């Protein structure tokens, strides 16, 4: 099965880690992908790459090649993000909290296309992007506000943002739990956290295993709807809505089969991409 873009490990320091959700070191090898592997926690069932590269070395993967991938695909990704926001009825949600000067943060914002769009909708939009080339492109070409680094390094103020959004970001982090904790800190009370990521409890993940398109070297963690929801709730959020989509990847089956499977994936919840909408209590 075709996998998404990924940088293969190369001369990186690695570390032995515990489960980032429950802290257990009791795990079982799930998929040996050749050069990297995924294990499943025997206690909470979180799937994660083990061992993992250290964060400093992992950051070097997001280089000029990664920027080319992002710039070549930005319109496709932007369209998918808008569809996701529509699915969770973002405009209705934002009408409840949005006021003059309300801030929207996109973490892993790539070249800033979503930031540019949100600015036209009356938000004060900011972004965080680890890839220096992507951040520079967004700042210079789109004139948006992108911090180059990690969310923790940006050092935003307590209760600063009305909305924190990330799309296909949390699975790349070496400590998603710390990330969720930081999101909680910088969100205003009643603010919303929106995160999109591959769904490890999907039909495609079960069918293809280590050949699943999201079982790639750049993904440190692969969440199910349950494990991601538990991690988010652990840090004080309430889960407002979850959803999935993507029943069968394009090109694997004829359209006459793909269309109803995709419909059921969204309706029943076994799609291989998911979104979680949470609110700060």
Protein backbone atom coordinates (compact mmCIF):
# COMPACT_ATOMS: atom_id res chain seq x y z
CA UNK A 1 0.00 0.00 0.00
CA UNK A 2 1.29 3.50 -0.81
CA UNK A 3 2.57 5.37 2.24
CA UNK A 4 2.64 9.10 2.75
CA UNK A 5 5.87 11.16 2.61
CA UNK A 6 8.42 10.28 5.27
CA UNK A 7 12.12 10.75 6.00
CA UNK A 8 13.92 7.50 6.75
CA UNK A 9 16.01 7.37 9.94
CA UNK A 10 19.69 8.16 9.44
CA UNK A 11 22.42 8.32 12.12
CA UNK A 12 20.00 9.52 14.78
CA UNK A 13 20.34 9.00 18.49
CA UNK A 14 17.53 6.87 19.83
CA UNK A 15 15.96 6.50 23.25
CA UNK A 16 14.03 3.86 25.13
CA UNK A 17 10.69 5.39 26.13
CA UNK A 18 7.67 4.54 28.25
CA UNK A 19 4.06 4.89 27.11
CA UNK A 20 3.29 8.60 26.79
CA UNK A 21 -0.31 8.09 27.89
CA UNK A 22 -0.16 5.81 30.93
CA UNK A 23 3.58 5.61 31.70
CA UNK A 24 3.77 1.84 31.37
CA UNK A 25 6.83 0.12 29.93
CA UNK A 26 4.87 -3.10 29.33
CA UNK A 27 4.55 -3.28 25.54
CA UNK A 28 4.36 -5.75 22.67
CA UNK A 29 5.99 -5.38 19.26
CA UNK A 30 3.21 -4.70 16.77
CA UNK A 31 4.83 -3.86 13.41
CA UNK A 32 8.44 -4.24 12.31
CA UNK A 33 8.70 -1.80 9.41
CA UNK A 34 12.41 -2.26 8.70
CA UNK A 35 14.62 0.42 10.27
CA UNK A 36 11.87 1.40 12.71
CA UNK A 37 9.05 -0.40 14.49
CA UNK A 38 5.81 0.21 16.37
CA UNK A 39 4.80 -1.33 19.70
CA UNK A 40 1.46 -1.38 21.50
CA UNK A 41 1.13 -0.58 25.19
CA UNK A 42 -0.29 -3.62 26.97
CA UNK A 43 -2.08 -1.40 29.48
CA UNK A 44 -3.73 1.47 27.58
CA UNK A 45 -3.27 0.15 23.97
CA UNK A 46 -1.50 3.27 22.67
CA UNK A 47 0.63 2.49 19.60
CA UNK A 48 4.00 4.18 19.43
CA UNK A 49 7.34 3.93 17.70
CA UNK A 50 9.89 2.21 19.90
CA UNK A 51 12.68 3.01 20.28
CA UNK A 52 12.37 6.63 19.17
CA UNK A 53 14.84 9.22 17.89
CA UNK A 54 15.56 12.04 20.31
CA UNK A 55 13.69 15.26 19.54
CA UNK A 56 16.76 17.30 18.55
CA UNK A 57 17.75 14.77 15.89
CA UNK A 58 14.17 14.21 14.75
CA UNK A 59 13.79 17.94 14.10
CA UNK A 60 16.49 17.75 11.41
CA UNK A 61 14.16 15.70 9.20
CA UNK A 62 12.05 18.79 8.54
CA UNK A 63 14.38 20.24 5.95
CA UNK A 64 14.21 21.68 2.43
CA UNK A 65 12.89 18.39 1.01
CA UNK A 66 10.06 18.47 3.52
CA UNK A 67 9.31 22.06 2.55
CA UNK A 68 9.04 21.04 -1.11
CA UNK A 69 6.56 18.34 -0.13
CA UNK A 70 4.49 20.86 1.85
CA UNK A 71 4.49 23.58 -0.81
CA UNK A 72 3.56 21.09 -3.53
CA UNK A 73 0.62 19.77 -1.52
CA UNK A 74 -0.54 22.82 0.41
CA UNK A 75 -3.75 23.39 -1.55
CA UNK A 76 -4.85 19.78 -1.09
CA UNK A 77 -4.11 19.95 2.65
CA UNK A 78 -5.88 23.31 2.94
CA UNK A 79 -9.02 21.94 1.28
CA UNK A 80 -9.03 18.97 3.66
CA UNK A 81 -8.64 21.25 6.69
CA UNK A 82 -11.60 23.36 5.59
CA UNK A 83 -13.70 20.22 5.19
CA UNK A 84 -12.71 19.11 8.68
CA UNK A 85 -13.65 22.49 10.16
CA UNK A 86 -16.98 22.28 8.37
CA UNK A 87 -17.58 18.78 9.77
CA UNK A 88 -17.22 20.03 13.35
CA UNK A 89 -19.34 23.13 12.54
CA UNK A 90 -16.49 25.47 13.37
CA UNK A 91 -18.26 28.64 12.30
CA UNK A 92 -21.11 27.97 14.74
CA UNK A 93 -18.64 27.17 17.51
CA UNK A 94 -16.54 30.26 16.86
CA UNK A 95 -19.58 32.52 16.96
CA UNK A 96 -19.93 31.62 20.64
CA UNK A 97 -16.41 32.73 21.59
CA UNK A 98 -15.17 35.05 18.88
CA UNK A 99 -14.82 38.74 19.65
CA UNK A 100 -12.62 41.55 18.40
CA UNK A 101 -8.99 40.49 18.65
CA UNK A 102 -9.71 36.79 19.25
CA UNK A 103 -6.62 34.71 18.49
CA UNK A 104 -6.44 31.51 16.44
CA UNK A 105 -3.28 29.39 16.66
CA UNK A 106 -2.35 26.75 14.08
CA UNK A 107 0.42 24.45 15.31
CA UNK A 108 2.31 22.74 12.50
CA UNK A 109 0.97 25.41 10.18
CA UNK A 110 3.32 24.57 7.27
CA UNK A 111 3.36 27.48 4.77
CA UNK A 112 0.57 29.39 6.51
CA UNK A 113 -2.29 28.98 4.05
CA UNK A 114 -4.85 28.37 6.80
CA UNK A 115 -3.54 31.37 8.75
CA UNK A 116 -3.99 33.60 5.71
CA UNK A 117 -7.57 32.36 5.35
CA UNK A 118 -8.41 32.84 9.04
CA UNK A 119 -7.13 36.40 8.93
CA UNK A 120 -9.73 37.13 6.24
CA UNK A 121 -12.39 35.79 8.63
CA UNK A 122 -11.57 38.32 11.32
CA UNK A 123 -9.26 36.24 13.48
CA UNK A 124 -5.85 37.32 14.72
CA UNK A 125 -4.01 34.25 13.45
CA UNK A 126 -0.64 32.94 14.54
CA UNK A 127 1.24 29.80 13.62
CA UNK A 128 4.01 27.51 14.85
CA UNK A 129 6.11 25.53 12.38
CA UNK A 130 9.23 23.44 12.97
CA UNK A 131 10.40 23.48 9.34
CA UNK A 132 12.45 26.67 8.94
CA UNK A 133 11.90 26.81 5.17
CA UNK A 134 8.11 26.56 5.50
CA UNK A 135 7.98 29.14 8.30
CA UNK A 136 10.12 31.62 6.35
CA UNK A 137 8.00 31.14 3.24
CA UNK A 138 4.79 31.84 5.15
CA UNK A 139 6.18 34.90 6.91
CA UNK A 140 7.68 36.46 3.78
CA UNK A 141 5.23 35.43 1.05
CA UNK A 142 1.92 35.35 2.93
CA UNK A 143 2.81 38.01 5.51
CA UNK A 144 1.44 35.85 8.32
CA UNK A 145 2.83 35.42 11.84
CA UNK A 146 4.68 32.09 12.13
CA UNK A 147 7.03 31.15 14.95
CA UNK A 148 9.78 28.79 13.80
CA UNK A 149 10.24 26.13 16.48
CA UNK A 150 8.09 24.10 18.84
CA UNK A 151 4.97 25.21 20.67
CA UNK A 152 6.77 25.11 24.01
CA UNK A 153 9.61 27.26 22.66
CA UNK A 154 7.14 29.92 21.47
CA UNK A 155 6.28 30.72 25.12
CA UNK A 156 2.81 32.11 24.53
CA UNK A 157 0.91 33.63 27.46
CA UNK A 158 -1.53 31.80 29.71
CA UNK A 159 -5.12 31.92 28.41
CA UNK A 160 -4.05 33.67 25.20
CA UNK A 161 -5.92 31.82 22.43
CA UNK A 162 -9.57 31.17 21.73
CA UNK A 163 -8.77 28.27 19.39
CA UNK A 164 -5.72 26.02 18.99
CA UNK A 165 -5.74 23.90 15.84
CA UNK A 166 -3.36 21.24 14.54
CA UNK A 167 -3.66 18.95 11.53
CA UNK A 168 -1.37 15.93 11.23
CA UNK A 169 0.98 17.25 13.89
CA UNK A 170 0.45 15.38 17.16
CA UNK A 171 1.59 12.03 15.71
CA UNK A 172 5.00 13.57 14.87
CA UNK A 173 5.81 14.61 18.44
CA UNK A 174 8.06 12.74 20.87
CA UNK A 175 5.84 13.82 23.79
CA UNK A 176 2.26 14.48 22.68
CA UNK A 177 1.21 14.56 26.34
CA UNK A 178 3.42 17.61 26.99
CA UNK A 179 1.98 19.21 23.86
CA UNK A 180 -1.62 18.78 25.04
CA UNK A 181 -0.68 20.18 28.44
CA UNK A 182 0.80 23.27 26.78
CA UNK A 183 -2.28 23.71 24.59
CA UNK A 184 -4.43 23.68 27.72
CA UNK A 185 -2.26 26.35 29.34
CA UNK A 186 -2.42 28.81 26.45
CA UNK A 187 -6.13 28.36 25.71
CA UNK A 188 -8.69 30.68 27.25
CA UNK A 189 -11.27 29.04 29.54
CA UNK A 190 -13.98 27.73 27.22
CA UNK A 191 -11.57 27.79 24.26
CA UNK A 192 -11.43 24.98 21.71
CA UNK A 193 -8.70 22.50 20.81
CA UNK A 194 -9.03 20.88 17.37
CA UNK A 195 -6.66 18.12 16.33
CA UNK A 196 -6.62 15.88 13.25
CA UNK A 197 -4.45 12.76 13.05
CA UNK A 198 -4.41 9.23 11.57
CA UNK A 199 -6.77 6.75 13.24
CA UNK A 200 -5.01 3.55 14.34
CA UNK A 201 -8.35 1.86 15.04
CA UNK A 202 -9.42 2.31 11.41
CA UNK A 203 -10.35 -0.35 8.91
CA UNK A 204 -7.25 0.41 6.83
CA UNK A 205 -4.91 0.10 9.83
CA UNK A 206 -6.41 -3.30 10.67
CA UNK A 207 -6.31 -4.51 7.06
CA UNK A 208 -2.81 -3.38 6.13
CA UNK A 209 -0.92 -3.44 9.43
CA UNK A 210 2.70 -2.38 8.95
CA UNK A 211 1.88 -1.46 5.34
CA UNK A 212 -0.79 1.03 6.41
CA UNK A 213 -0.07 4.40 4.82
CA UNK A 214 0.36 6.09 8.21
CA UNK A 215 2.82 3.54 9.65
CA UNK A 216 5.76 5.71 8.60
CA UNK A 217 9.10 6.60 10.18
CA UNK A 218 8.09 10.21 10.91
CA UNK A 219 5.11 9.17 13.04
CA UNK A 220 6.13 8.66 16.65
CA UNK A 221 2.60 7.87 17.88
CA UNK A 222 -0.47 6.37 16.24
CA UNK A 223 -3.65 7.08 18.17
CA UNK A 224 -7.05 5.49 18.17
CA UNK A 225 -10.11 7.64 18.86
CA UNK A 226 -10.07 6.20 22.39
CA UNK A 227 -6.38 6.74 23.21
CA UNK A 228 -6.31 10.29 21.84
CA UNK A 229 -9.51 11.19 23.67
CA UNK A 230 -8.07 9.77 26.90
CA UNK A 231 -4.86 11.79 26.52
CA UNK A 232 -6.79 15.00 25.90
CA UNK A 233 -9.18 14.40 28.83
CA UNK A 234 -6.23 13.59 31.08
CA UNK A 235 -5.10 17.21 30.78
CA UNK A 236 -8.44 18.74 31.75
CA UNK A 237 -10.35 19.00 28.47
CA UNK A 238 -13.89 17.87 27.75
CA UNK A 239 -14.41 16.01 24.47
CA UNK A 240 -17.11 17.75 22.42
CA UNK A 241 -17.00 15.73 19.21
CA UNK A 242 -15.01 13.06 17.38
CA UNK A 243 -15.25 11.99 13.76
CA UNK A 244 -13.44 9.90 11.15
CA UNK A 245 -13.27 9.66 7.38
CA UNK A 246 -11.42 7.71 4.68
CA UNK A 247 -12.64 4.14 4.33
CA UNK A 248 -10.38 2.94 1.51
CA UNK A 249 -7.45 4.82 -0.05
CA UNK A 250 -7.87 5.96 -3.65
CA UNK A 251 -6.68 3.46 -6.25
CA UNK A 252 -7.06 0.35 -4.11
CA UNK A 253 -10.61 -0.51 -5.17
CA UNK A 254 -13.02 0.63 -7.91
CA UNK A 255 -14.99 3.80 -7.25
CA UNK A 256 -18.24 1.87 -7.03
CA UNK A 257 -16.84 0.16 -3.91
CA UNK A 258 -14.84 3.08 -2.48
CA UNK A 259 -17.79 5.48 -2.35
CA UNK A 260 -20.07 3.43 -0.05
CA UNK A 261 -17.14 2.31 2.13
CA UNK A 262 -16.05 5.95 2.59
CA UNK A 263 -19.62 6.90 3.47
CA UNK A 264 -19.84 4.17 6.10
CA UNK A 265 -16.40 5.06 7.47
CA UNK A 266 -17.62 8.57 8.23
CA UNK A 267 -21.05 7.46 9.41
CA UNK A 268 -19.94 4.60 11.67
CA UNK A 269 -16.45 5.83 12.59
CA UNK A 270 -13.84 3.49 11.14
CA UNK A 271 -12.09 5.94 8.79
CA UNK A 272 -8.29 6.14 8.83
CA UNK A 273 -8.17 9.87 9.65
CA UNK A 274 -9.90 11.34 12.68
CA UNK A 275 -10.64 14.68 14.28
CA UNK A 276 -11.16 15.41 17.98
CA UNK A 277 -12.79 18.63 19.14
CA UNK A 278 -12.22 19.42 22.80
CA UNK A 279 -12.98 22.35 25.08
CA UNK A 280 -11.01 23.76 27.97
CA UNK A 281 -13.09 23.47 31.14
